[in-house]
């Protein structure tokens, strides 16, 4: 049985494998239950893959490595101990540190993702 992955938007954390890690989230990050699907991508900045959890006609919501967006200081915000600095940063995706992303892929792709 695959482990569940929990994202708490208000606390700006992702929890899996009995450990929680900081994340960047957005006001558009959807709440609910989803399944994580591992996708390859050639889009620049994503490191070659991402974990999709919801798709609409206009947007693919995913967990992925933190992307460098000029002027947004995303990596510094991700490392901030203040969850308020990690909220309302993305367009709806969930950004994590590269090492956290690698752990998540290894243990949990195909898992249920719960976003609250």
PDB file of N, CA and C in Angstrom:
ATOM      1  N   UNK A   1       0.845  -1.184   0.000  1.00  0.00           N
ATOM      2  CA  UNK A   1       0.000   0.000   0.000  1.00  0.00           C
ATOM      3  C   UNK A   1       0.891   1.249   0.000  1.00  0.00           C
ATOM      4  N   UNK A   2       0.569   2.184  -0.845  1.00  0.00           N
ATOM      5  CA  UNK A   2       1.345   3.416  -0.946  1.00  0.00           C
ATOM      6  C   UNK A   2       0.984   4.377   0.184  1.00  0.00           C
ATOM      7  N   UNK A   3       1.964   5.114   0.680  1.00  0.00           N
ATOM      8  CA  UNK A   3       1.682   6.077   1.756  1.00  0.00           C
ATOM      9  C   UNK A   3       0.896   7.280   1.229  1.00  0.00           C
ATOM     10  N   UNK A   4       0.115   7.876   2.101  1.00  0.00           N
ATOM     11  CA  UNK A   4      -0.574   9.124   1.747  1.00  0.00           C
ATOM     12  C   UNK A   4       0.395  10.290   1.893  1.00  0.00           C
ATOM     13  N   UNK A   5       0.139  11.301   1.087  1.00  0.00           N
ATOM     14  CA  UNK A   5       0.910  12.533   1.141  1.00  0.00           C
ATOM     15  C   UNK A   5      -0.068  13.636   1.534  1.00  0.00           C
ATOM     16  N   UNK A   6       0.303  14.432   2.533  1.00  0.00           N
ATOM     17  CA  UNK A   6      -0.571  15.490   3.032  1.00  0.00           C
ATOM     18  C   UNK A   6       0.098  16.843   2.834  1.00  0.00           C
ATOM     19  N   UNK A   7      -0.642  17.786   2.265  1.00  0.00           N
ATOM     20  CA  UNK A   7      -0.184  19.171   2.177  1.00  0.00           C
ATOM     21  C   UNK A   7      -1.145  20.024   2.987  1.00  0.00           C
ATOM     22  N   UNK A   8      -0.593  20.754   3.933  1.00  0.00           N
ATOM     23  CA  UNK A   8      -1.359  21.705   4.725  1.00  0.00           C
ATOM     24  C   UNK A   8      -1.012  23.094   4.186  1.00  0.00           C
ATOM     25  N   UNK A   9      -1.929  23.686   3.442  1.00  0.00           N
ATOM     26  CA  UNK A   9      -1.668  24.973   2.790  1.00  0.00           C
ATOM     27  C   UNK A   9      -1.433  26.075   3.816  1.00  0.00           C
ATOM     28  N   UNK A  10      -2.228  26.118   4.880  1.00  0.00           N
ATOM     29  CA  UNK A  10      -2.086  27.180   5.890  1.00  0.00           C
ATOM     30  C   UNK A  10      -0.725  27.128   6.587  1.00  0.00           C
ATOM     31  N   UNK A  11      -0.203  25.921   6.797  1.00  0.00           N
ATOM     32  CA  UNK A  11       1.103  25.763   7.435  1.00  0.00           C
ATOM     33  C   UNK A  11       2.239  25.724   6.407  1.00  0.00           C
ATOM     34  N   UNK A  12       1.870  25.619   5.118  1.00  0.00           N
ATOM     35  CA  UNK A  12       2.836  25.542   4.014  1.00  0.00           C
ATOM     36  C   UNK A  12       3.839  24.414   4.229  1.00  0.00           C
ATOM     37  N   UNK A  13       3.291  23.199   4.458  1.00  0.00           N
ATOM     38  CA  UNK A  13       4.129  22.015   4.631  1.00  0.00           C
ATOM     39  C   UNK A  13       3.564  20.842   3.841  1.00  0.00           C
ATOM     40  N   UNK A  14       4.459  19.924   3.494  1.00  0.00           N
ATOM     41  CA  UNK A  14       4.083  18.645   2.903  1.00  0.00           C
ATOM     42  C   UNK A  14       4.606  17.560   3.828  1.00  0.00           C
ATOM     43  N   UNK A  15       3.780  16.569   4.102  1.00  0.00           N
ATOM     44  CA  UNK A  15       4.159  15.498   5.021  1.00  0.00           C
ATOM     45  C   UNK A  15       4.004  14.154   4.316  1.00  0.00           C
ATOM     46  N   UNK A  16       5.061  13.348   4.398  1.00  0.00           N
ATOM     47  CA  UNK A  16       5.062  11.983   3.868  1.00  0.00           C
ATOM     48  C   UNK A  16       6.202  11.241   4.541  1.00  0.00           C
ATOM     49  N   UNK A  17       6.107   9.943   4.580  1.00  0.00           N
ATOM     50  CA  UNK A  17       7.144   9.106   5.195  1.00  0.00           C
ATOM     51  C   UNK A  17       7.506   9.604   6.591  1.00  0.00           C
ATOM     52  N   UNK A  18       6.509   9.987   7.375  1.00  0.00           N
ATOM     53  CA  UNK A  18       6.649  10.405   8.777  1.00  0.00           C
ATOM     54  C   UNK A  18       7.489  11.668   8.971  1.00  0.00           C
ATOM     55  N   UNK A  19       7.625  12.485   7.912  1.00  0.00           N
ATOM     56  CA  UNK A  19       8.391  13.722   8.016  1.00  0.00           C
ATOM     57  C   UNK A  19       7.657  14.831   7.258  1.00  0.00           C
ATOM     58  N   UNK A  20       7.752  16.048   7.779  1.00  0.00           N
ATOM     59  CA  UNK A  20       7.151  17.208   7.105  1.00  0.00           C
ATOM     60  C   UNK A  20       8.253  18.137   6.603  1.00  0.00           C
ATOM     61  N   UNK A  21       7.978  18.787   5.480  1.00  0.00           N
ATOM     62  CA  UNK A  21       8.936  19.674   4.820  1.00  0.00           C
ATOM     63  C   UNK A  21       8.205  20.950   4.393  1.00  0.00           C
ATOM     64  N   UNK A  22       8.902  22.085   4.359  1.00  0.00           N
ATOM     65  CA  UNK A  22       8.268  23.320   3.887  1.00  0.00           C
ATOM     66  C   UNK A  22       7.991  23.263   2.385  1.00  0.00           C
ATOM     67  N   UNK A  23       6.937  23.960   1.975  1.00  0.00           N
ATOM     68  CA  UNK A  23       6.570  24.069   0.561  1.00  0.00           C
ATOM     69  C   UNK A  23       6.208  25.509   0.241  1.00  0.00           C
ATOM     70  N   UNK A  24       6.215  25.815  -1.048  1.00  0.00           N
ATOM     71  CA  UNK A  24       5.607  27.045  -1.548  1.00  0.00           C
ATOM     72  C   UNK A  24       4.285  26.656  -2.167  1.00  0.00           C
ATOM     73  N   UNK A  25       3.249  27.409  -1.873  1.00  0.00           N
ATOM     74  CA  UNK A  25       1.915  27.158  -2.419  1.00  0.00           C
ATOM     75  C   UNK A  25       1.329  28.474  -2.905  1.00  0.00           C
ATOM     76  N   UNK A  26       0.186  28.391  -3.560  1.00  0.00           N
ATOM     77  CA  UNK A  26      -0.475  29.592  -4.056  1.00  0.00           C
ATOM     78  C   UNK A  26      -1.910  29.681  -3.601  1.00  0.00           C
ATOM     79  N   UNK A  27      -2.499  30.834  -3.819  1.00  0.00           N
ATOM     80  CA  UNK A  27      -3.920  31.002  -3.500  1.00  0.00           C
ATOM     81  C   UNK A  27      -4.795  30.092  -4.352  1.00  0.00           C
ATOM     82  N   UNK A  28      -4.266  29.668  -5.495  1.00  0.00           N
ATOM     83  CA  UNK A  28      -5.027  28.809  -6.410  1.00  0.00           C
ATOM     84  C   UNK A  28      -4.768  27.324  -6.186  1.00  0.00           C
ATOM     85  N   UNK A  29      -3.946  26.976  -5.205  1.00  0.00           N
ATOM     86  CA  UNK A  29      -3.685  25.558  -4.937  1.00  0.00           C
ATOM     87  C   UNK A  29      -4.996  24.898  -4.529  1.00  0.00           C
ATOM     88  N   UNK A  30      -5.462  23.908  -5.313  1.00  0.00           N
ATOM     89  CA  UNK A  30      -6.762  23.305  -5.010  1.00  0.00           C
ATOM     90  C   UNK A  30      -6.719  22.441  -3.756  1.00  0.00           C
ATOM     91  N   UNK A  31      -7.830  22.424  -3.029  1.00  0.00           N
ATOM     92  CA  UNK A  31      -7.976  21.555  -1.853  1.00  0.00           C
ATOM     93  C   UNK A  31      -8.737  20.316  -2.283  1.00  0.00           C
ATOM     94  N   UNK A  32      -8.467  19.220  -1.575  1.00  0.00           N
ATOM     95  CA  UNK A  32      -9.181  17.979  -1.857  1.00  0.00           C
ATOM     96  C   UNK A  32      -8.250  16.788  -1.887  1.00  0.00           C
ATOM     97  N   UNK A  33      -8.752  15.685  -2.466  1.00  0.00           N
ATOM     98  CA  UNK A  33      -7.978  14.451  -2.590  1.00  0.00           C
ATOM     99  C   UNK A  33      -7.687  14.201  -4.056  1.00  0.00           C
ATOM    100  N   UNK A  34      -6.439  13.840  -4.344  1.00  0.00           N
ATOM    101  CA  UNK A  34      -5.975  13.651  -5.711  1.00  0.00           C
ATOM    102  C   UNK A  34      -5.034  12.458  -5.752  1.00  0.00           C
ATOM    103  N   UNK A  35      -4.710  12.002  -6.946  1.00  0.00           N
ATOM    104  CA  UNK A  35      -3.693  10.966  -7.113  1.00  0.00           C
ATOM    105  C   UNK A  35      -2.478  11.592  -7.787  1.00  0.00           C
ATOM    106  N   UNK A  36      -1.295  11.251  -7.284  1.00  0.00           N
ATOM    107  CA  UNK A  36      -0.054  11.762  -7.856  1.00  0.00           C
ATOM    108  C   UNK A  36       0.346  10.934  -9.074  1.00  0.00           C
ATOM    109  N   UNK A  37       0.578  11.602 -10.185  1.00  0.00           N
ATOM    110  CA  UNK A  37       0.987  10.954 -11.425  1.00  0.00           C
ATOM    111  C   UNK A  37       2.333  11.519 -11.856  1.00  0.00           C
ATOM    112  N   UNK A  38       3.286  10.652 -12.117  1.00  0.00           N
ATOM    113  CA  UNK A  38       4.642  11.067 -12.491  1.00  0.00           C
ATOM    114  C   UNK A  38       4.689  11.328 -13.994  1.00  0.00           C
ATOM    115  N   UNK A  39       5.100  12.535 -14.368  1.00  0.00           N
ATOM    116  CA  UNK A  39       5.180  12.939 -15.771  1.00  0.00           C
ATOM    117  C   UNK A  39       6.586  13.412 -16.113  1.00  0.00           C
ATOM    118  N   UNK A  40       7.018  13.112 -17.321  1.00  0.00           N
ATOM    119  CA  UNK A  40       8.237  13.709 -17.869  1.00  0.00           C
ATOM    120  C   UNK A  40       7.852  15.041 -18.491  1.00  0.00           C
ATOM    121  N   UNK A  41       8.787  15.993 -18.454  1.00  0.00           N
ATOM    122  CA  UNK A  41       8.541  17.281 -19.107  1.00  0.00           C
ATOM    123  C   UNK A  41       9.848  17.830 -19.640  1.00  0.00           C
ATOM    124  N   UNK A  42       9.735  18.500 -20.764  1.00  0.00           N
ATOM    125  CA  UNK A  42      10.889  19.183 -21.339  1.00  0.00           C
ATOM    126  C   UNK A  42      10.841  20.677 -21.053  1.00  0.00           C
ATOM    127  N   UNK A  43       9.818  21.100 -20.311  1.00  0.00           N
ATOM    128  CA  UNK A  43       9.706  22.518 -19.968  1.00  0.00           C
ATOM    129  C   UNK A  43      10.897  22.930 -19.115  1.00  0.00           C
ATOM    130  N   UNK A  44      11.463  24.031 -19.450  1.00  0.00           N
ATOM    131  CA  UNK A  44      12.656  24.533 -18.774  1.00  0.00           C
ATOM    132  C   UNK A  44      12.373  24.832 -17.292  1.00  0.00           C
ATOM    133  N   UNK A  45      13.308  24.454 -16.437  1.00  0.00           N
ATOM    134  CA  UNK A  45      13.213  24.781 -15.025  1.00  0.00           C
ATOM    135  C   UNK A  45      12.624  23.696 -14.149  1.00  0.00           C
ATOM    136  N   UNK A  46      12.029  22.664 -14.739  1.00  0.00           N
ATOM    137  CA  UNK A  46      11.367  21.637 -13.939  1.00  0.00           C
ATOM    138  C   UNK A  46      12.247  20.434 -13.634  1.00  0.00           C
ATOM    139  N   UNK A  47      13.439  20.376 -14.194  1.00  0.00           N
ATOM    140  CA  UNK A  47      14.346  19.274 -13.901  1.00  0.00           C
ATOM    141  C   UNK A  47      14.000  17.972 -14.598  1.00  0.00           C
ATOM    142  N   UNK A  48      13.128  18.013 -15.593  1.00  0.00           N
ATOM    143  CA  UNK A  48      12.827  16.825 -16.385  1.00  0.00           C
ATOM    144  C   UNK A  48      11.569  16.068 -16.013  1.00  0.00           C
ATOM    145  N   UNK A  49      11.006  16.341 -14.825  1.00  0.00           N
ATOM    146  CA  UNK A  49       9.790  15.623 -14.439  1.00  0.00           C
ATOM    147  C   UNK A  49       9.042  16.409 -13.373  1.00  0.00           C
ATOM    148  N   UNK A  50       7.811  15.971 -13.124  1.00  0.00           N
ATOM    149  CA  UNK A  50       6.968  16.567 -12.087  1.00  0.00           C
ATOM    150  C   UNK A  50       5.917  15.555 -11.668  1.00  0.00           C
ATOM    151  N   UNK A  51       5.271  15.820 -10.550  1.00  0.00           N
ATOM    152  CA  UNK A  51       4.182  14.980 -10.046  1.00  0.00           C
ATOM    153  C   UNK A  51       2.877  15.751 -10.190  1.00  0.00           C
ATOM    154  N   UNK A  52       2.100  15.395 -11.176  1.00  0.00           N
ATOM    155  CA  UNK A  52       0.829  16.062 -11.427  1.00  0.00           C
ATOM    156  C   UNK A  52      -0.231  15.542 -10.471  1.00  0.00           C
ATOM    157  N   UNK A  53      -1.148  16.445 -10.073  1.00  0.00           N
ATOM    158  CA  UNK A  53      -2.259  15.977  -9.238  1.00  0.00           C
ATOM    159  C   UNK A  53      -3.614  16.466  -9.712  1.00  0.00           C
ATOM    160  N   UNK A  54      -3.669  17.445 -10.610  1.00  0.00           N
ATOM    161  CA  UNK A  54      -4.946  17.902 -11.143  1.00  0.00           C
ATOM    162  C   UNK A  54      -4.694  18.607 -12.467  1.00  0.00           C
ATOM    163  N   UNK A  55      -5.606  18.386 -13.405  1.00  0.00           N
ATOM    164  CA  UNK A  55      -5.480  19.048 -14.703  1.00  0.00           C
ATOM    165  C   UNK A  55      -6.832  19.628 -15.103  1.00  0.00           C
ATOM    166  N   UNK A  56      -6.791  20.869 -15.572  1.00  0.00           N
ATOM    167  CA  UNK A  56      -7.980  21.513 -16.119  1.00  0.00           C
ATOM    168  C   UNK A  56      -7.694  21.836 -17.587  1.00  0.00           C
ATOM    169  N   UNK A  57      -8.637  22.478 -18.255  1.00  0.00           N
ATOM    170  CA  UNK A  57      -8.409  22.877 -19.642  1.00  0.00           C
ATOM    171  C   UNK A  57      -7.250  23.859 -19.768  1.00  0.00           C
ATOM    172  N   UNK A  58      -6.984  24.615 -18.705  1.00  0.00           N
ATOM    173  CA  UNK A  58      -5.994  25.685 -18.772  1.00  0.00           C
ATOM    174  C   UNK A  58      -4.761  25.504 -17.901  1.00  0.00           C
ATOM    175  N   UNK A  59      -4.728  24.486 -17.032  1.00  0.00           N
ATOM    176  CA  UNK A  59      -3.646  24.431 -16.059  1.00  0.00           C
ATOM    177  C   UNK A  59      -3.360  23.001 -15.629  1.00  0.00           C
ATOM    178  N   UNK A  60      -2.086  22.709 -15.426  1.00  0.00           N
ATOM    179  CA  UNK A  60      -1.659  21.443 -14.849  1.00  0.00           C
ATOM    180  C   UNK A  60      -1.105  21.747 -13.466  1.00  0.00           C
ATOM    181  N   UNK A  61      -1.776  21.276 -12.436  1.00  0.00           N
ATOM    182  CA  UNK A  61      -1.324  21.458 -11.062  1.00  0.00           C
ATOM    183  C   UNK A  61      -0.369  20.331 -10.729  1.00  0.00           C
ATOM    184  N   UNK A  62       0.780  20.673 -10.143  1.00  0.00           N
ATOM    185  CA  UNK A  62       1.794  19.658  -9.892  1.00  0.00           C
ATOM    186  C   UNK A  62       2.641  20.013  -8.682  1.00  0.00           C
ATOM    187  N   UNK A  63       3.287  18.981  -8.156  1.00  0.00           N
ATOM    188  CA  UNK A  63       4.366  19.167  -7.189  1.00  0.00           C
ATOM    189  C   UNK A  63       5.655  19.070  -7.995  1.00  0.00           C
ATOM    190  N   UNK A  64       6.531  20.033  -7.818  1.00  0.00           N
ATOM    191  CA  UNK A  64       7.798  20.010  -8.549  1.00  0.00           C
ATOM    192  C   UNK A  64       8.880  20.734  -7.775  1.00  0.00           C
ATOM    193  N   UNK A  65      10.095  20.581  -8.257  1.00  0.00           N
ATOM    194  CA  UNK A  65      11.231  21.281  -7.662  1.00  0.00           C
ATOM    195  C   UNK A  65      10.983  22.787  -7.739  1.00  0.00           C
ATOM    196  N   UNK A  66      11.482  23.511  -6.749  1.00  0.00           N
ATOM    197  CA  UNK A  66      11.319  24.960  -6.733  1.00  0.00           C
ATOM    198  C   UNK A  66      11.936  25.542  -8.004  1.00  0.00           C
ATOM    199  N   UNK A  67      11.197  26.451  -8.616  1.00  0.00           N
ATOM    200  CA  UNK A  67      11.628  27.094  -9.856  1.00  0.00           C
ATOM    201  C   UNK A  67      12.149  28.488  -9.527  1.00  0.00           C
ATOM    202  N   UNK A  68      13.243  28.853 -10.172  1.00  0.00           N
ATOM    203  CA  UNK A  68      13.804  30.194  -9.996  1.00  0.00           C
ATOM    204  C   UNK A  68      13.019  31.174 -10.864  1.00  0.00           C
ATOM    205  N   UNK A  69      12.261  32.043 -10.229  1.00  0.00           N
ATOM    206  CA  UNK A  69      11.516  33.087 -10.925  1.00  0.00           C
ATOM    207  C   UNK A  69      12.138  34.419 -10.514  1.00  0.00           C
ATOM    208  N   UNK A  70      12.743  35.134 -11.456  1.00  0.00           N
ATOM    209  CA  UNK A  70      13.411  36.389 -11.110  1.00  0.00           C
ATOM    210  C   UNK A  70      12.513  37.318 -10.289  1.00  0.00           C
ATOM    211  N   UNK A  71      13.091  37.851  -9.217  1.00  0.00           N
ATOM    212  CA  UNK A  71      12.388  38.800  -8.367  1.00  0.00           C
ATOM    213  C   UNK A  71      11.511  38.194  -7.290  1.00  0.00           C
ATOM    214  N   UNK A  72      11.306  36.868  -7.320  1.00  0.00           N
ATOM    215  CA  UNK A  72      10.416  36.252  -6.333  1.00  0.00           C
ATOM    216  C   UNK A  72      11.152  35.600  -5.167  1.00  0.00           C
ATOM    217  N   UNK A  73      12.432  35.406  -5.270  1.00  0.00           N
ATOM    218  CA  UNK A  73      13.232  34.817  -4.197  1.00  0.00           C
ATOM    219  C   UNK A  73      12.608  33.525  -3.665  1.00  0.00           C
ATOM    220  N   UNK A  74      12.190  32.664  -4.573  1.00  0.00           N
ATOM    221  CA  UNK A  74      11.478  31.452  -4.168  1.00  0.00           C
ATOM    222  C   UNK A  74      12.298  30.537  -3.268  1.00  0.00           C
ATOM    223  N   UNK A  75      13.566  30.330  -3.575  1.00  0.00           N
ATOM    224  CA  UNK A  75      14.358  29.427  -2.745  1.00  0.00           C
ATOM    225  C   UNK A  75      14.518  29.988  -1.334  1.00  0.00           C
ATOM    226  N   UNK A  76      14.764  31.279  -1.215  1.00  0.00           N
ATOM    227  CA  UNK A  76      14.884  31.903   0.110  1.00  0.00           C
ATOM    228  C   UNK A  76      13.555  31.824   0.858  1.00  0.00           C
ATOM    229  N   UNK A  77      12.455  32.040   0.164  1.00  0.00           N
ATOM    230  CA  UNK A  77      11.141  31.954   0.802  1.00  0.00           C
ATOM    231  C   UNK A  77      10.855  30.530   1.258  1.00  0.00           C
ATOM    232  N   UNK A  78      11.258  29.550   0.442  1.00  0.00           N
ATOM    233  CA  UNK A  78      11.042  28.149   0.795  1.00  0.00           C
ATOM    234  C   UNK A  78      11.792  27.790   2.074  1.00  0.00           C
ATOM    235  N   UNK A  79      12.936  28.380   2.291  1.00  0.00           N
ATOM    236  CA  UNK A  79      13.750  28.092   3.479  1.00  0.00           C
ATOM    237  C   UNK A  79      13.320  28.912   4.695  1.00  0.00           C
ATOM    238  N   UNK A  80      12.401  29.838   4.531  1.00  0.00           N
ATOM    239  CA  UNK A  80      11.961  30.683   5.641  1.00  0.00           C
ATOM    240  C   UNK A  80      11.197  29.864   6.682  1.00  0.00           C
ATOM    241  N   UNK A  81      11.458  30.108   7.964  1.00  0.00           N
ATOM    242  CA  UNK A  81      10.693  29.416   9.010  1.00  0.00           C
ATOM    243  C   UNK A  81       9.268  29.970   9.154  1.00  0.00           C
ATOM    244  N   UNK A  82       8.974  31.091   8.521  1.00  0.00           N
ATOM    245  CA  UNK A  82       7.657  31.726   8.606  1.00  0.00           C
ATOM    246  C   UNK A  82       6.759  31.215   7.480  1.00  0.00           C
ATOM    247  N   UNK A  83       5.739  30.401   7.803  1.00  0.00           N
ATOM    248  CA  UNK A  83       4.870  29.854   6.756  1.00  0.00           C
ATOM    249  C   UNK A  83       4.193  30.929   5.898  1.00  0.00           C
ATOM    250  N   UNK A  84       3.964  32.104   6.453  1.00  0.00           N
ATOM    251  CA  UNK A  84       3.306  33.164   5.686  1.00  0.00           C
ATOM    252  C   UNK A  84       4.141  33.598   4.486  1.00  0.00           C
ATOM    253  N   UNK A  85       5.464  33.438   4.571  1.00  0.00           N
ATOM    254  CA  UNK A  85       6.343  33.786   3.441  1.00  0.00           C
ATOM    255  C   UNK A  85       6.286  32.731   2.340  1.00  0.00           C
ATOM    256  N   UNK A  86       5.698  31.555   2.658  1.00  0.00           N
ATOM    257  CA  UNK A  86       5.653  30.456   1.695  1.00  0.00           C
ATOM    258  C   UNK A  86       4.282  30.287   1.044  1.00  0.00           C
ATOM    259  N   UNK A  87       3.329  31.140   1.425  1.00  0.00           N
ATOM    260  CA  UNK A  87       1.960  31.073   0.904  1.00  0.00           C
ATOM    261  C   UNK A  87       1.767  32.187  -0.117  1.00  0.00           C
ATOM    262  N   UNK A  88       0.916  31.944  -1.110  1.00  0.00           N
ATOM    263  CA  UNK A  88       0.587  32.917  -2.153  1.00  0.00           C
ATOM    264  C   UNK A  88       1.807  33.251  -3.005  1.00  0.00           C
ATOM    265  N   UNK A  89       2.621  32.238  -3.264  1.00  0.00           N
ATOM    266  CA  UNK A  89       3.829  32.412  -4.065  1.00  0.00           C
ATOM    267  C   UNK A  89       3.630  31.834  -5.461  1.00  0.00           C
ATOM    268  N   UNK A  90       3.034  30.661  -5.558  1.00  0.00           N
ATOM    269  CA  UNK A  90       2.909  29.970  -6.842  1.00  0.00           C
ATOM    270  C   UNK A  90       1.546  30.246  -7.466  1.00  0.00           C
ATOM    271  N   UNK A  91       1.390  29.800  -8.696  1.00  0.00           N
ATOM    272  CA  UNK A  91       0.104  29.914  -9.379  1.00  0.00           C
ATOM    273  C   UNK A  91      -0.859  28.810  -8.996  1.00  0.00           C
ATOM    274  N   UNK A  92      -0.450  27.910  -8.135  1.00  0.00           N
ATOM    275  CA  UNK A  92      -1.306  26.801  -7.714  1.00  0.00           C
ATOM    276  C   UNK A  92      -0.533  25.503  -7.551  1.00  0.00           C
ATOM    277  N   UNK A  93       0.658  25.454  -8.134  1.00  0.00           N
ATOM    278  CA  UNK A  93       1.519  24.282  -7.946  1.00  0.00           C
ATOM    279  C   UNK A  93       2.120  24.307  -6.548  1.00  0.00           C
ATOM    280  N   UNK A  94       2.730  23.199  -6.190  1.00  0.00           N
ATOM    281  CA  UNK A  94       3.408  23.052  -4.908  1.00  0.00           C
ATOM    282  C   UNK A  94       4.889  22.888  -5.212  1.00  0.00           C
ATOM    283  N   UNK A  95       5.703  23.811  -4.732  1.00  0.00           N
ATOM    284  CA  UNK A  95       7.154  23.784  -4.955  1.00  0.00           C
ATOM    285  C   UNK A  95       7.848  23.250  -3.720  1.00  0.00           C
ATOM    286  N   UNK A  96       8.819  22.352  -3.930  1.00  0.00           N
ATOM    287  CA  UNK A  96       9.606  21.780  -2.837  1.00  0.00           C
ATOM    288  C   UNK A  96      11.090  21.850  -3.196  1.00  0.00           C
ATOM    289  N   UNK A  97      11.945  21.677  -2.193  1.00  0.00           N
ATOM    290  CA  UNK A  97      13.376  21.610  -2.457  1.00  0.00           C
ATOM    291  C   UNK A  97      13.664  20.373  -3.309  1.00  0.00           C
ATOM    292  N   UNK A  98      14.691  20.435  -4.164  1.00  0.00           N
ATOM    293  CA  UNK A  98      15.003  19.286  -5.031  1.00  0.00           C
ATOM    294  C   UNK A  98      15.172  17.963  -4.291  1.00  0.00           C
ATOM    295  N   UNK A  99      15.856  17.947  -3.156  1.00  0.00           N
ATOM    296  CA  UNK A  99      16.051  16.702  -2.413  1.00  0.00           C
ATOM    297  C   UNK A  99      14.724  16.146  -1.898  1.00  0.00           C
ATOM    298  N   UNK A 100      13.827  17.024  -1.477  1.00  0.00           N
ATOM    299  CA  UNK A 100      12.502  16.597  -1.011  1.00  0.00           C
ATOM    300  C   UNK A 100      11.716  16.016  -2.186  1.00  0.00           C
ATOM    301  N   UNK A 101      11.814  16.655  -3.341  1.00  0.00           N
ATOM    302  CA  UNK A 101      11.125  16.149  -4.526  1.00  0.00           C
ATOM    303  C   UNK A 101      11.600  14.729  -4.852  1.00  0.00           C
ATOM    304  N   UNK A 102      12.907  14.511  -4.827  1.00  0.00           N
ATOM    305  CA  UNK A 102      13.448  13.182  -5.136  1.00  0.00           C
ATOM    306  C   UNK A 102      12.934  12.129  -4.151  1.00  0.00           C
ATOM    307  N   UNK A 103      12.893  12.467  -2.867  1.00  0.00           N
ATOM    308  CA  UNK A 103      12.344  11.549  -1.857  1.00  0.00           C
ATOM    309  C   UNK A 103      10.877  11.245  -2.150  1.00  0.00           C
ATOM    310  N   UNK A 104      10.127  12.273  -2.497  1.00  0.00           N
ATOM    311  CA  UNK A 104       8.699  12.124  -2.768  1.00  0.00           C
ATOM    312  C   UNK A 104       8.454  11.208  -3.961  1.00  0.00           C
ATOM    313  N   UNK A 105       9.222  11.377  -5.022  1.00  0.00           N
ATOM    314  CA  UNK A 105       9.074  10.514  -6.197  1.00  0.00           C
ATOM    315  C   UNK A 105       9.379   9.070  -5.839  1.00  0.00           C
ATOM    316  N   UNK A 106      10.462   8.848  -5.101  1.00  0.00           N
ATOM    317  CA  UNK A 106      10.865   7.480  -4.755  1.00  0.00           C
ATOM    318  C   UNK A 106       9.816   6.752  -3.934  1.00  0.00           C
ATOM    319  N   UNK A 107       9.213   7.440  -2.993  1.00  0.00           N
ATOM    320  CA  UNK A 107       8.289   6.745  -2.093  1.00  0.00           C
ATOM    321  C   UNK A 107       6.827   6.806  -2.524  1.00  0.00           C
ATOM    322  N   UNK A 108       6.461   7.870  -3.240  1.00  0.00           N
ATOM    323  CA  UNK A 108       5.033   8.173  -3.209  1.00  0.00           C
ATOM    324  C   UNK A 108       4.334   8.434  -4.540  1.00  0.00           C
ATOM    325  N   UNK A 109       5.020   8.338  -5.695  1.00  0.00           N
ATOM    326  CA  UNK A 109       4.234   8.599  -6.903  1.00  0.00           C
ATOM    327  C   UNK A 109       3.186   7.500  -7.043  1.00  0.00           C
ATOM    328  N   UNK A 110       2.024   7.901  -7.430  1.00  0.00           N
ATOM    329  CA  UNK A 110       0.881   6.988  -7.453  1.00  0.00           C
ATOM    330  C   UNK A 110       0.063   7.043  -6.167  1.00  0.00           C
ATOM    331  N   UNK A 111       0.592   7.702  -5.153  1.00  0.00           N
ATOM    332  CA  UNK A 111      -0.087   7.820  -3.855  1.00  0.00           C
ATOM    333  C   UNK A 111      -1.249   8.798  -3.906  1.00  0.00           C
ATOM    334  N   UNK A 112      -2.087   8.714  -2.869  1.00  0.00           N
ATOM    335  CA  UNK A 112      -3.142   9.701  -2.684  1.00  0.00           C
ATOM    336  C   UNK A 112      -2.518  10.949  -2.082  1.00  0.00           C
ATOM    337  N   UNK A 113      -2.867  12.102  -2.651  1.00  0.00           N
ATOM    338  CA  UNK A 113      -2.449  13.398  -2.149  1.00  0.00           C
ATOM    339  C   UNK A 113      -3.664  14.069  -1.532  1.00  0.00           C
ATOM    340  N   UNK A 114      -3.539  14.491  -0.288  1.00  0.00           N
ATOM    341  CA  UNK A 114      -4.607  15.213   0.392  1.00  0.00           C
ATOM    342  C   UNK A 114      -4.118  16.630   0.631  1.00  0.00           C
ATOM    343  N   UNK A 115      -4.853  17.595   0.106  1.00  0.00           N
ATOM    344  CA  UNK A 115      -4.510  19.001   0.301  1.00  0.00           C
ATOM    345  C   UNK A 115      -5.615  19.632   1.111  1.00  0.00           C
ATOM    346  N   UNK A 116      -5.231  20.196   2.263  1.00  0.00           N
ATOM    347  CA  UNK A 116      -6.227  20.836   3.125  1.00  0.00           C
ATOM    348  C   UNK A 116      -5.820  22.255   3.427  1.00  0.00           C
TER     349      UNK A 116
END
